[in-house]
Amino acid sequence: MRTSEWIQAGFATILAVAAWIRPLPAGRRRIVTLLAVLALLAIAAARSSQRVFDPYSVSVLRDWLPVVLMLVPYWQTGQFFMGPNEKIQSWLIKTDRSLLNVVPHLGGAFDRLTRGSIEWAYMFCYPLVPLGLGVLYAAGLRQYTSTYWFLVLVPTYVCYGITPFVPALPPRSIHAEPKAAANKGRVLNLWLLKYGSIHAISFPSAHVASALAVSLVLLHFVPIAGVVFLVVAFAIAVAAVVGGYHYAIDVLLGAAMALIVAAAWFSHLIPSTLITAPAMALAAGF
């Protein structure tokens, strides 16, 4: 299997096992387990499709499969959320106020931004990962897909892994906002979150981690595109805080996750063989 497939299959399985160890309702345990099974079946099906399709088509399919499978651990971690921990949530709120008070000069800048532009900026967190892979394809650098997914999946999944230990509601769910503040972008974002989110924060912010990770990969391979994606990633981070989708601390920690993994790779602390191929002992049976 590819390294990205090992990461996704392994993480989904770990969460399934954790669901049976932690005190969860039976229904939630079954959902976490079912999601893990679906992820494993999707990976197996993609690999087995070589019996039907040509090798190139199968390879492309496996390049893009992580885009869909990234949602699996997100929904799995959502099943661990039984309600906010008041102490943790209070700490997040206090930390948020402290961090935002450090940069009071930004308040005016935020006031000048239209609410619509903030909401549309945040919405870029959804298509940014597949767009980044599309840039690699367009640049003729598909051979670096494994590197791309390693540097994106690792910080994102670390954020997912920490999330169950920091159960808290996002700021937007705590602080009431006037109806006049709603605009089309806000309405669409809230609709997407209502039907597609876990209704809790991912701590650290997985959206920020993945967005920054994508931009850092592209900065290395396609610098011009990387600069554009970096600006978008910054806009997503700002919008996440201003729009009340995340606390400032989990946005900062999400960015830190992406930076740490990328720095380890740039410094050659991560062996290239770990990214391009699984260990032979693990791969032998597949």
Protein backbone atom coordinates (compact mmCIF):
# COMPACT_ATOMS: atom_id res chain seq x y z
CA MET A 1 0.00 0.00 0.00
CA ARG A 2 1.00 3.60 -0.40
CA THR A 3 2.14 5.59 2.61
CA SER A 4 -0.98 7.76 2.40
CA GLU A 5 -3.12 4.62 2.46
CA TRP A 6 -1.28 3.31 5.51
CA ILE A 7 -1.84 6.63 7.28
CA GLN A 8 -5.54 6.73 6.48
CA ALA A 9 -6.23 3.05 7.14
CA GLY A 10 -4.17 3.08 10.34
CA PHE A 11 -5.72 6.22 11.77
CA ALA A 12 -9.28 5.11 11.01
CA THR A 13 -8.55 1.77 12.67
CA ILE A 14 -7.00 3.37 15.75
CA LEU A 15 -10.08 5.55 16.21
CA ALA A 16 -12.32 2.49 15.84
CA VAL A 17 -10.36 0.68 18.56
CA ALA A 18 -10.46 3.79 20.77
CA ALA A 19 -14.24 3.93 20.40
CA TRP A 20 -14.50 0.52 22.08
CA ILE A 21 -12.09 1.49 24.85
CA ARG A 22 -13.58 4.84 25.77
CA PRO A 23 -17.06 5.08 27.37
CA LEU A 24 -19.27 5.77 24.36
CA PRO A 25 -22.87 4.81 23.57
CA ALA A 26 -23.13 1.62 21.50
CA GLY A 27 -24.55 3.51 18.55
CA ARG A 28 -21.59 5.86 18.38
CA ARG A 29 -19.15 2.97 18.63
CA ARG A 30 -20.83 1.29 15.70
CA ILE A 31 -20.65 4.47 13.62
CA VAL A 32 -16.92 4.93 14.30
CA THR A 33 -16.30 1.28 13.46
CA LEU A 34 -18.43 1.40 10.31
CA LEU A 35 -16.56 4.48 9.08
CA ALA A 36 -13.26 2.66 9.60
CA VAL A 37 -14.55 -0.35 7.68
CA LEU A 38 -15.71 1.88 4.83
CA ALA A 39 -12.27 3.52 4.65
CA LEU A 40 -10.54 0.14 4.56
CA LEU A 41 -12.94 -1.15 1.91
CA ALA A 42 -12.43 1.97 -0.23
CA ILE A 43 -8.65 1.53 -0.11
CA ALA A 44 -8.92 -2.17 -0.91
CA ALA A 45 -11.35 -1.49 -3.75
CA ALA A 46 -9.07 1.14 -5.26
CA ARG A 47 -6.12 -1.26 -5.18
CA SER A 48 -8.19 -4.14 -6.58
CA SER A 49 -9.55 -2.03 -9.41
CA GLN A 50 -6.38 -2.83 -11.36
CA ARG A 51 -8.17 -6.01 -12.41
CA VAL A 52 -10.70 -3.89 -14.27
CA PHE A 53 -8.89 -0.68 -15.22
CA ASP A 54 -5.49 0.07 -16.70
CA PRO A 55 -2.59 0.77 -14.30
CA TYR A 56 -2.52 4.49 -15.03
CA SER A 57 -6.21 4.98 -14.25
CA VAL A 58 -5.85 2.99 -11.04
CA SER A 59 -2.85 5.08 -10.02
CA VAL A 60 -4.76 8.31 -10.62
CA LEU A 61 -7.69 6.98 -8.63
CA ARG A 62 -5.42 6.23 -5.70
CA ASP A 63 -3.87 9.70 -6.01
CA TRP A 64 -7.27 11.30 -5.44
CA LEU A 65 -8.86 8.86 -3.02
CA PRO A 66 -7.41 10.61 0.08
CA VAL A 67 -9.49 13.70 -0.78
CA VAL A 68 -12.61 11.72 0.15
CA LEU A 69 -11.09 9.64 2.92
CA MET A 70 -9.91 12.74 4.80
CA LEU A 71 -13.52 13.18 5.91
CA VAL A 72 -13.61 9.77 7.61
CA PRO A 73 -11.47 10.57 10.70
CA TYR A 74 -13.21 13.93 11.02
CA TRP A 75 -16.61 12.27 11.31
CA GLN A 76 -15.12 9.57 13.53
CA THR A 77 -13.76 12.08 16.02
CA GLY A 78 -17.17 13.77 16.03
CA GLN A 79 -18.65 10.64 17.59
CA PHE A 80 -16.40 11.15 20.62
CA PHE A 81 -17.95 14.57 21.30
CA MET A 82 -20.55 14.15 24.06
CA GLY A 83 -20.73 17.83 24.93
CA PRO A 84 -18.29 20.58 25.90
CA ASN A 85 -16.00 20.36 28.89
CA GLU A 86 -16.76 23.61 30.69
CA LYS A 87 -13.25 24.00 32.15
CA ILE A 88 -11.59 23.46 28.79
CA GLN A 89 -14.06 25.74 27.04
CA SER A 90 -13.55 28.49 29.62
CA TRP A 91 -9.79 28.18 29.16
CA LEU A 92 -10.18 28.51 25.40
CA ILE A 93 -12.34 31.61 25.77
CA LYS A 94 -9.88 33.24 28.19
CA THR A 95 -6.92 32.36 25.98
CA ASP A 96 -8.77 33.74 22.98
CA ARG A 97 -9.36 37.06 24.68
CA SER A 98 -5.73 37.25 25.81
CA LEU A 99 -4.37 36.53 22.35
CA LEU A 100 -6.71 38.94 20.60
CA ASN A 101 -5.90 41.69 23.10
CA VAL A 102 -2.25 41.36 22.11
CA VAL A 103 -3.10 42.56 18.61
CA PRO A 104 -5.72 45.29 19.18
CA HIS A 105 -4.58 47.17 16.07
CA LEU A 106 -6.11 44.43 13.93
CA GLY A 107 -9.59 45.22 15.17
CA GLY A 108 -9.95 48.20 12.86
CA ALA A 109 -8.76 46.18 9.91
CA PHE A 110 -11.36 43.55 10.64
CA ASP A 111 -14.05 46.22 10.83
CA ARG A 112 -13.18 47.39 7.34
CA LEU A 113 -13.49 43.95 5.89
CA THR A 114 -16.98 43.09 4.78
CA ARG A 115 -18.57 40.14 6.52
CA GLY A 116 -19.07 38.58 3.13
CA SER A 117 -15.38 38.59 2.23
CA ILE A 118 -14.52 36.95 5.54
CA GLU A 119 -17.07 34.19 5.01
CA TRP A 120 -16.01 33.47 1.43
CA ALA A 121 -12.38 33.37 2.54
CA TYR A 122 -13.20 30.71 5.12
CA MET A 123 -15.10 28.70 2.55
CA PHE A 124 -11.85 28.12 0.66
CA CYS A 125 -10.85 25.64 3.37
CA TYR A 126 -13.07 23.04 1.69
CA PRO A 127 -11.66 22.93 -1.88
CA LEU A 128 -8.07 23.92 -1.07
CA VAL A 129 -6.67 20.39 -0.62
CA PRO A 130 -7.95 18.97 -3.94
CA LEU A 131 -7.00 22.24 -5.67
CA GLY A 132 -3.45 21.83 -4.38
CA LEU A 133 -3.22 18.32 -5.80
CA GLY A 134 -4.65 19.66 -9.05
CA VAL A 135 -1.83 22.20 -9.21
CA LEU A 136 0.74 19.41 -8.94
CA TYR A 137 -0.98 17.59 -11.79
CA ALA A 138 -1.17 20.73 -13.92
CA ALA A 139 2.53 21.44 -13.30
CA GLY A 140 3.47 17.93 -14.44
CA LEU A 141 4.65 17.00 -10.96
CA ARG A 142 2.31 14.12 -10.24
CA GLN A 143 5.28 12.03 -9.10
CA TYR A 144 5.32 14.05 -5.90
CA THR A 145 1.79 13.08 -4.92
CA SER A 146 3.08 10.83 -2.12
CA THR A 147 5.05 13.71 -0.63
CA TYR A 148 2.03 15.97 -0.96
CA TRP A 149 -0.24 13.61 0.93
CA PHE A 150 2.28 12.83 3.65
CA LEU A 151 2.86 16.50 4.46
CA VAL A 152 -0.87 17.25 4.37
CA LEU A 153 -2.28 14.17 6.11
CA VAL A 154 0.15 13.96 9.04
CA PRO A 155 -0.51 17.43 10.57
CA THR A 156 -4.22 17.20 9.74
CA TYR A 157 -4.61 13.81 11.40
CA VAL A 158 -2.59 14.88 14.43
CA CYS A 159 -5.17 17.64 14.88
CA TYR A 160 -7.97 15.08 14.58
CA GLY A 161 -6.23 12.84 17.09
CA ILE A 162 -6.08 15.59 19.73
CA THR A 163 -9.65 16.78 19.16
CA PRO A 164 -11.45 14.19 21.37
CA PHE A 165 -9.35 15.33 24.34
CA VAL A 166 -10.42 18.98 23.92
CA PRO A 167 -14.23 18.87 23.74
CA ALA A 168 -15.51 22.38 23.17
CA LEU A 169 -18.04 24.30 21.13
CA PRO A 170 -16.81 26.83 18.56
CA PRO A 171 -17.09 30.52 19.49
CA ARG A 172 -19.99 31.03 17.06
CA SER A 173 -22.08 28.56 19.10
CA ILE A 174 -21.39 30.36 22.38
CA HIS A 175 -21.71 34.01 21.48
CA ALA A 176 -25.00 35.10 19.95
CA GLU A 177 -24.70 37.27 16.87
CA PRO A 178 -27.26 39.73 15.44
CA LYS A 179 -29.26 38.49 12.47
CA ALA A 180 -28.12 41.56 10.57
CA ALA A 181 -24.61 40.13 10.62
CA ALA A 182 -25.69 37.22 8.44
CA ASN A 183 -24.92 37.44 4.73
CA LYS A 184 -25.06 34.92 1.91
CA GLY A 185 -21.58 33.64 2.65
CA ARG A 186 -22.37 33.29 6.35
CA VAL A 187 -25.65 31.52 5.66
CA LEU A 188 -23.96 29.06 3.30
CA ASN A 189 -21.11 28.38 5.72
CA LEU A 190 -23.49 27.76 8.60
CA TRP A 191 -25.62 25.48 6.42
CA LEU A 192 -22.57 23.42 5.46
CA LEU A 193 -21.50 23.19 9.07
CA LYS A 194 -25.00 22.29 10.23
CA TYR A 195 -25.22 19.24 7.98
CA GLY A 196 -21.57 18.29 7.50
CA SER A 197 -19.65 19.18 10.66
CA ILE A 198 -19.23 17.51 14.04
CA HIS A 199 -20.67 20.63 15.75
CA ALA A 200 -17.53 21.06 17.81
CA ILE A 201 -14.11 22.53 17.17
CA SER A 202 -11.27 20.45 15.83
CA PHE A 203 -8.41 21.25 18.18
CA PRO A 204 -5.94 22.22 16.85
CA SER A 205 -7.64 23.51 13.71
CA ALA A 206 -7.38 20.80 11.05
CA HIS A 207 -8.60 23.23 8.39
CA VAL A 208 -5.75 25.63 9.08
CA ALA A 209 -3.23 22.79 9.35
CA SER A 210 -4.22 21.30 5.98
CA ALA A 211 -4.47 24.69 4.24
CA LEU A 212 -1.02 25.77 5.40
CA ALA A 213 0.45 22.33 4.65
CA VAL A 214 -0.80 22.52 1.07
CA SER A 215 0.73 25.96 0.59
CA LEU A 216 4.08 24.85 2.03
CA VAL A 217 4.26 21.85 -0.31
CA LEU A 218 3.45 24.04 -3.30
CA LEU A 219 5.98 26.67 -2.22
CA HIS A 220 8.61 23.98 -2.62
CA PHE A 221 7.45 22.47 -5.91
CA VAL A 222 5.47 25.29 -7.59
CA PRO A 223 6.59 28.54 -5.88
CA ILE A 224 4.22 30.90 -7.68
CA ALA A 225 1.19 28.77 -6.85
CA GLY A 226 2.57 28.30 -3.36
CA VAL A 227 2.54 32.04 -2.71
CA VAL A 228 -1.08 32.27 -3.84
CA PHE A 229 -2.09 29.32 -1.66
CA LEU A 230 -0.17 30.79 1.28
CA VAL A 231 -2.18 34.01 1.02
CA VAL A 232 -5.39 31.96 0.89
CA ALA A 233 -4.28 29.88 3.89
CA PHE A 234 -3.63 33.07 5.85
CA ALA A 235 -7.07 34.39 4.86
CA ILE A 236 -8.66 31.12 6.04
CA ALA A 237 -6.88 31.38 9.40
CA VAL A 238 -8.00 34.99 9.90
CA ALA A 239 -11.56 34.20 8.79
CA ALA A 240 -11.69 31.21 11.14
CA VAL A 241 -11.12 33.51 14.11
CA VAL A 242 -13.08 36.55 12.95
CA GLY A 243 -16.04 34.40 11.90
CA GLY A 244 -16.09 32.54 15.20
CA TYR A 245 -15.38 29.16 13.64
CA HIS A 246 -12.27 28.59 15.73
CA TYR A 247 -10.45 30.02 18.71
CA ALA A 248 -7.23 31.89 18.05
CA ILE A 249 -5.21 29.33 19.99
CA ASP A 250 -6.36 26.34 17.97
CA VAL A 251 -5.74 28.24 14.73
CA LEU A 252 -2.19 29.00 15.86
CA LEU A 253 -1.59 25.41 16.95
CA GLY A 254 -3.02 24.08 13.68
CA ALA A 255 -0.56 26.25 11.77
CA ALA A 256 2.23 25.07 14.08
CA MET A 257 1.44 21.43 13.27
CA ALA A 258 1.85 22.06 9.55
CA LEU A 259 5.04 24.05 10.07
CA ILE A 260 6.63 21.39 12.29
CA VAL A 261 5.98 18.55 9.84
CA ALA A 262 7.12 20.64 6.86
CA ALA A 263 10.25 21.80 8.73
CA ALA A 264 11.10 18.19 9.60
CA TRP A 265 10.80 17.24 5.94
CA PHE A 266 12.78 20.26 4.68
CA SER A 267 15.51 19.43 7.21
CA HIS A 268 15.61 15.81 5.96
CA LEU A 269 14.56 14.52 9.38
CA ILE A 270 11.85 12.48 7.63
CA PRO A 271 13.38 9.76 5.41
CA SER A 272 12.22 9.99 1.80
CA THR A 273 11.60 6.24 1.82
CA LEU A 274 8.99 6.74 4.53
CA ILE A 275 7.06 9.05 2.21
CA THR A 276 7.48 7.30 -1.12
CA ALA A 277 6.94 3.71 -0.02
CA PRO A 278 5.88 1.71 3.04
CA ALA A 279 8.28 -0.52 4.92
CA MET A 280 8.87 -3.75 3.04
CA ALA A 281 7.79 -5.79 6.03
CA LEU A 282 4.42 -4.09 6.04
CA ALA A 283 4.03 -4.11 2.30
CA ALA A 284 4.93 -7.75 1.80
CA GLY A 285 1.44 -9.01 2.43
CA PHE A 286 -0.24 -6.48 0.15
